[in-house]
Amino acid sequence: MWLKILSVSLFVISIGIIVYLIASPVSNDKFSMEIDNVKNNQDMFEIFNSNYLGPIIDTKYKGIHNIYISYADKKNIFTEDNGGFNEYLEGMKDNGKRNSFFEELHQRIRGYNYSKKFYGKNKNKFPGESKFSMLELHNLTKNHFKFKSYLNEIANDFIESYNDDYKIGIDYTQGDYNLILDQLDKIFQNDNKSYKILLVTENNSFNTKLNQSKYKEYIIMYNNDNKTEKGIINCLLLSKCDYLIKTRNDLSNLSLVLNPHLPCSFISSDKEIYTKKLKEYTFKKLN
């Protein structure tokens, strides 16, 4: 009888210890996470936001500043020869930390929570509704997430030709075209400015619509045969604009983190539009 009670007690204690080790692994002054896309098909910028910025934010709040994250592209969707995203990032170097079994398990379980650290409760409402301001996100991640200098140089060379223009970036994925045009109408009310519209979209219908509108003469686009580099450079270019008009898309979400001062209109849906002005860091919902 007593032997049976002891066995059950030891079993319960063992389970409790295992759960504790998974939920709260031993603290360390280093953070290391290595993941891949064998089992998922995330968009490239969702990977950057969820699997890089999310863990960086979570880790920084725990007081850890020595951070290494590696995302291997084993499906060769964005890179060649099983490359990884770190080949596009500056200074993301292996810090030598090797995780225990429990740390690895902890990271796998927390994967969803890492994403929530970046987006907050509702991904579809980001950045209109966010746990952190754009400035807070920028400050938390700027020392750990940087694109390589050659990518910034390409973006700077492209945008330099339009330094004298007021540059409006548009990142369109879905929704009512007319809401984008309405935002352009409001901006173009100032006749004393020279305008350019940097268009970033893979939506051919919207591309055609805008090129048939009264704004067609203002449109500029960046092109690159390397799809991955093109996406990153477009993200950088949007961050260098004077105003951003965006729909739901992780590419321009990252642009706002790179440049949190950027004024922006975010069209979340046909009935929900959020805005922020220059050097405002949280969005306000329009009535």
Protein backbone atom coordinates (compact mmCIF):
# COMPACT_ATOMS: atom_id res chain seq x y z
CA MET A 1 0.00 0.00 0.00
CA TRP A 2 2.66 2.50 1.11
CA LEU A 3 4.91 1.41 -1.76
CA LYS A 4 2.13 2.15 -4.23
CA ILE A 5 1.52 5.61 -2.71
CA LEU A 6 5.27 6.33 -2.85
CA SER A 7 5.46 5.27 -6.50
CA VAL A 8 2.53 7.50 -7.44
CA SER A 9 4.03 10.41 -5.50
CA LEU A 10 7.40 10.01 -7.22
CA PHE A 11 5.65 9.84 -10.59
CA VAL A 12 3.68 13.04 -9.90
CA ILE A 13 6.83 14.82 -8.69
CA SER A 14 8.74 13.70 -11.78
CA ILE A 15 6.00 14.98 -14.07
CA GLY A 16 5.96 18.27 -12.15
CA ILE A 17 9.73 18.68 -12.57
CA ILE A 18 9.53 17.94 -16.31
CA VAL A 19 6.69 20.44 -16.79
CA TYR A 20 8.64 23.05 -14.82
CA LEU A 21 11.79 22.51 -16.90
CA ILE A 22 9.79 22.86 -20.13
CA ALA A 23 7.84 25.90 -18.96
CA SER A 24 10.82 27.64 -17.33
CA PRO A 25 14.14 26.37 -18.64
CA VAL A 26 17.33 27.30 -16.79
CA SER A 27 18.07 30.99 -17.34
CA ASN A 28 21.09 31.93 -19.44
CA ASP A 29 22.84 35.05 -20.65
CA LYS A 30 22.56 33.78 -24.22
CA PHE A 31 19.61 32.90 -26.47
CA SER A 32 19.90 30.59 -29.46
CA MET A 33 17.14 29.30 -31.74
CA GLU A 34 17.51 27.28 -34.93
CA ILE A 35 14.39 26.54 -36.98
CA ASP A 36 13.43 25.70 -40.56
CA ASN A 37 10.47 25.66 -42.94
CA VAL A 38 10.15 21.90 -43.37
CA LYS A 39 6.63 21.88 -41.87
CA ASN A 40 5.29 25.31 -42.76
CA ASN A 41 4.90 27.72 -45.67
CA GLN A 42 5.24 31.14 -44.10
CA ASP A 43 5.67 34.26 -46.17
CA MET A 44 9.23 35.63 -46.03
CA PHE A 45 8.27 38.72 -44.05
CA GLU A 46 6.06 36.73 -41.71
CA ILE A 47 9.20 34.71 -40.97
CA PHE A 48 11.17 37.88 -40.23
CA ASN A 49 8.44 39.28 -37.98
CA SER A 50 7.36 36.09 -36.21
CA ASN A 51 10.57 34.08 -36.01
CA TYR A 52 13.15 36.82 -35.65
CA LEU A 53 11.58 39.95 -34.19
CA GLY A 54 9.13 38.06 -31.93
CA PRO A 55 11.83 36.04 -30.13
CA ILE A 56 14.14 39.09 -29.99
CA ILE A 57 11.41 41.11 -28.23
CA ASP A 58 10.63 38.27 -25.82
CA THR A 59 14.30 37.67 -25.05
CA LYS A 60 15.19 41.35 -24.58
CA TYR A 61 12.42 41.64 -21.97
CA LYS A 62 14.12 38.82 -20.07
CA GLY A 63 17.34 40.82 -19.99
CA ILE A 64 19.19 38.69 -22.53
CA HIS A 65 21.12 40.60 -25.21
CA ASN A 66 23.35 37.91 -26.74
CA ILE A 67 20.90 36.57 -29.33
CA TYR A 68 21.34 34.15 -32.22
CA ILE A 69 18.48 33.05 -34.48
CA SER A 70 18.84 30.93 -37.60
CA TYR A 71 16.05 30.10 -40.04
CA ALA A 72 17.03 27.46 -42.59
CA ASP A 73 15.20 27.52 -45.93
CA LYS A 74 15.20 23.75 -46.46
CA LYS A 75 12.49 23.99 -49.11
CA ASN A 76 14.66 26.39 -51.16
CA ILE A 77 11.75 28.80 -51.50
CA PHE A 78 13.75 31.96 -50.82
CA THR A 79 17.36 30.79 -51.09
CA GLU A 80 19.42 28.18 -52.94
CA ASP A 81 21.18 25.05 -51.68
CA ASN A 82 19.35 24.92 -48.34
CA GLY A 83 20.46 28.45 -47.50
CA GLY A 84 19.02 30.53 -44.71
CA PHE A 85 17.76 34.01 -44.00
CA ASN A 86 20.90 34.97 -42.11
CA GLU A 87 22.71 35.44 -45.41
CA TYR A 88 20.65 38.62 -45.79
CA LEU A 89 21.21 39.83 -42.21
CA GLU A 90 24.08 41.80 -40.70
CA GLY A 91 25.75 40.54 -37.54
CA MET A 92 23.51 37.55 -36.79
CA LYS A 93 26.34 35.24 -35.70
CA ASP A 94 26.32 31.94 -33.83
CA ASN A 95 26.92 32.71 -30.15
CA GLY A 96 27.99 29.15 -29.36
CA LYS A 97 25.00 28.33 -27.15
CA ARG A 98 23.67 24.79 -27.49
CA ASN A 99 20.20 24.27 -26.09
CA SER A 100 19.22 21.45 -23.81
CA PHE A 101 16.36 19.12 -24.72
CA PHE A 102 14.03 21.07 -22.44
CA GLU A 103 15.07 24.43 -23.94
CA GLU A 104 14.39 23.14 -27.45
CA LEU A 105 11.00 21.83 -26.38
CA HIS A 106 10.24 25.12 -24.64
CA GLN A 107 10.97 27.06 -27.84
CA ARG A 108 8.77 24.79 -29.94
CA ILE A 109 5.88 25.20 -27.55
CA ARG A 110 6.36 28.98 -27.34
CA GLY A 111 6.51 29.40 -31.12
CA TYR A 112 2.98 30.82 -31.29
CA ASN A 113 3.66 33.16 -28.37
CA TYR A 114 6.77 34.52 -30.10
CA SER A 115 4.51 35.60 -32.95
CA LYS A 116 2.13 37.28 -30.49
CA LYS A 117 5.04 39.21 -28.98
CA PHE A 118 5.32 41.03 -32.28
CA TYR A 119 1.72 41.27 -33.52
CA GLY A 120 -0.16 41.38 -30.24
CA LYS A 121 -3.56 39.73 -29.82
CA ASN A 122 -4.85 40.15 -33.37
CA LYS A 123 -2.41 39.84 -36.26
CA ASN A 124 -4.95 41.20 -38.76
CA LYS A 125 -5.23 44.46 -36.81
CA PHE A 126 -1.46 45.04 -36.66
CA PRO A 127 -0.09 47.71 -36.78
CA GLY A 128 -3.38 49.55 -36.17
CA GLU A 129 -3.72 47.82 -32.83
CA SER A 130 -0.40 46.76 -31.33
CA LYS A 131 0.91 45.81 -27.90
CA PHE A 132 3.98 47.98 -28.49
CA SER A 133 4.33 51.30 -30.26
CA MET A 134 6.32 51.35 -33.50
CA LEU A 135 9.13 53.17 -31.68
CA GLU A 136 9.25 50.53 -28.93
CA LEU A 137 9.43 47.74 -31.54
CA HIS A 138 12.20 49.60 -33.34
CA ASN A 139 14.26 50.19 -30.20
CA LEU A 140 13.87 46.59 -29.00
CA THR A 141 15.04 45.06 -32.29
CA LYS A 142 17.34 47.58 -34.02
CA ASN A 143 20.61 46.23 -32.58
CA HIS A 144 19.81 42.61 -33.41
CA PHE A 145 17.99 42.71 -36.76
CA LYS A 146 19.65 44.53 -39.65
CA PHE A 147 19.71 43.82 -43.36
CA LYS A 148 23.14 43.64 -44.95
CA SER A 149 24.70 46.89 -46.11
CA TYR A 150 24.63 46.00 -49.82
CA LEU A 151 20.81 45.76 -49.68
CA ASN A 152 20.59 49.18 -48.04
CA GLU A 153 22.99 50.57 -50.65
CA ILE A 154 20.79 49.32 -53.50
CA ALA A 155 17.74 50.90 -51.86
CA ASN A 156 19.58 54.18 -51.27
CA ASP A 157 20.83 54.30 -54.88
CA PHE A 158 17.29 53.79 -56.19
CA ILE A 159 15.60 56.33 -53.94
CA GLU A 160 18.33 58.96 -54.38
CA SER A 161 16.94 59.87 -57.81
CA TYR A 162 13.74 61.03 -56.11
CA ASN A 163 15.20 63.02 -53.22
CA ASP A 164 13.40 66.18 -54.34
CA ASP A 165 10.03 64.43 -54.52
CA TYR A 166 7.47 63.70 -51.82
CA LYS A 167 7.45 59.91 -51.97
CA ILE A 168 4.26 58.00 -51.18
CA GLY A 169 4.75 54.29 -50.68
CA ILE A 170 1.85 51.94 -51.42
CA ASP A 171 1.85 48.32 -50.29
CA TYR A 172 -1.31 46.71 -51.61
CA THR A 173 -2.38 43.08 -51.21
CA GLN A 174 -6.19 43.09 -51.02
CA GLY A 175 -9.28 45.21 -50.43
CA ASP A 176 -11.20 48.03 -52.07
CA TYR A 177 -8.99 49.86 -54.59
CA ASN A 178 -10.96 53.05 -54.09
CA LEU A 179 -9.84 53.34 -50.46
CA ILE A 180 -6.24 53.64 -51.69
CA LEU A 181 -7.29 56.26 -54.23
CA ASP A 182 -9.16 58.17 -51.52
CA GLN A 183 -5.97 58.33 -49.45
CA LEU A 184 -4.00 59.55 -52.47
CA ASP A 185 -6.61 62.26 -53.12
CA LYS A 186 -6.10 63.60 -49.59
CA ILE A 187 -2.31 63.71 -49.94
CA PHE A 188 -2.30 65.25 -53.41
CA GLN A 189 -4.30 68.27 -52.23
CA ASN A 190 -1.03 70.15 -51.79
CA ASP A 191 -0.20 71.37 -55.31
CA ASN A 192 3.15 72.84 -54.27
CA LYS A 193 4.83 69.44 -53.96
CA SER A 194 6.41 67.18 -56.54
CA TYR A 195 5.12 63.64 -55.96
CA LYS A 196 6.20 60.09 -56.68
CA ILE A 197 4.27 56.93 -55.84
CA LEU A 198 6.40 53.91 -55.00
CA LEU A 199 4.15 50.96 -55.81
CA VAL A 200 4.76 47.58 -54.16
CA THR A 201 2.19 44.97 -55.12
CA GLU A 202 1.81 41.55 -56.70
CA ASN A 203 -1.85 42.23 -57.40
CA ASN A 204 -2.07 42.71 -61.17
CA SER A 205 -5.61 44.07 -61.03
CA PHE A 206 -4.60 46.88 -58.68
CA ASN A 207 -1.47 47.56 -60.71
CA THR A 208 -3.64 47.99 -63.82
CA LYS A 209 -6.20 50.10 -61.93
CA LEU A 210 -3.58 52.53 -60.63
CA ASN A 211 -1.84 52.75 -64.00
CA GLN A 212 -5.17 53.71 -65.58
CA SER A 213 -5.89 56.36 -62.97
CA LYS A 214 -4.95 60.04 -62.89
CA TYR A 215 -1.92 59.03 -60.80
CA LYS A 216 -0.24 56.88 -63.45
CA GLU A 217 2.45 59.47 -64.29
CA TYR A 218 3.71 59.46 -60.69
CA ILE A 219 4.26 55.70 -60.34
CA ILE A 220 7.73 54.23 -59.82
CA MET A 221 8.55 50.58 -59.13
CA TYR A 222 11.70 48.69 -58.19
CA ASN A 223 12.51 45.49 -60.07
CA ASN A 224 15.02 42.73 -59.41
CA ASP A 225 15.23 39.22 -60.88
CA ASN A 226 16.10 37.90 -57.42
CA LYS A 227 12.67 37.70 -55.79
CA THR A 228 14.04 37.57 -52.24
CA GLU A 229 16.28 40.60 -52.70
CA LYS A 230 13.46 42.43 -54.46
CA GLY A 231 11.16 41.91 -51.46
CA ILE A 232 13.76 43.08 -48.94
CA ILE A 233 14.71 46.13 -51.00
CA ASN A 234 11.04 47.06 -51.48
CA CYS A 235 10.64 46.81 -47.69
CA LEU A 236 13.61 49.15 -47.24
CA LEU A 237 12.33 51.54 -49.94
CA LEU A 238 8.92 51.83 -48.27
CA SER A 239 10.67 52.68 -45.00
CA LYS A 240 12.44 55.56 -46.79
CA CYS A 241 9.25 57.12 -48.19
CA ASP A 242 7.62 60.28 -46.83
CA TYR A 243 4.22 58.61 -46.39
CA LEU A 244 3.00 55.01 -46.42
CA ILE A 245 -0.40 53.70 -47.49
CA LYS A 246 -0.74 50.01 -46.71
CA THR A 247 -3.12 47.11 -46.50
CA ARG A 248 -2.49 43.95 -44.46
CA ASN A 249 1.01 42.78 -45.31
CA ASP A 250 4.06 41.76 -43.31
CA LEU A 251 6.42 43.46 -45.76
CA SER A 252 5.26 46.97 -44.87
CA ASN A 253 4.74 45.96 -41.22
CA LEU A 254 8.50 45.53 -41.10
CA SER A 255 9.02 48.84 -42.95
CA LEU A 256 7.26 50.60 -40.07
CA VAL A 257 9.54 48.92 -37.53
CA LEU A 258 12.62 49.95 -39.53
CA ASN A 259 11.34 53.55 -39.64
CA PRO A 260 8.87 54.11 -36.78
CA HIS A 261 8.61 57.86 -37.53
CA LEU A 262 6.94 57.21 -40.91
CA PRO A 263 3.39 58.65 -41.24
CA CYS A 264 1.00 55.99 -42.42
CA SER A 265 -2.57 55.09 -43.37
CA PHE A 266 -3.35 51.43 -42.67
CA ILE A 267 -6.44 50.03 -44.38
CA SER A 268 -7.29 47.00 -42.28
CA SER A 269 -10.65 46.42 -43.99
CA ASP A 270 -13.29 48.34 -45.92
CA LYS A 271 -14.65 49.62 -42.60
CA GLU A 272 -11.44 50.00 -40.60
CA ILE A 273 -8.74 52.55 -41.40
CA TYR A 274 -6.00 53.55 -38.97
CA THR A 275 -3.59 56.47 -39.30
CA LYS A 276 -0.55 57.93 -37.62
CA LYS A 277 1.22 61.20 -38.35
CA LEU A 278 4.92 61.98 -38.65
CA LYS A 279 6.73 61.06 -35.41
CA GLU A 280 3.58 59.53 -33.93
CA TYR A 281 4.21 55.95 -32.88
CA THR A 282 0.73 54.53 -32.33
CA PHE A 283 -2.20 54.45 -34.72
CA LYS A 284 -5.63 56.02 -34.30
CA LYS A 285 -8.74 54.49 -35.79
CA LEU A 286 -10.73 56.77 -38.04
CA ASN A 287 -14.46 57.02 -37.30
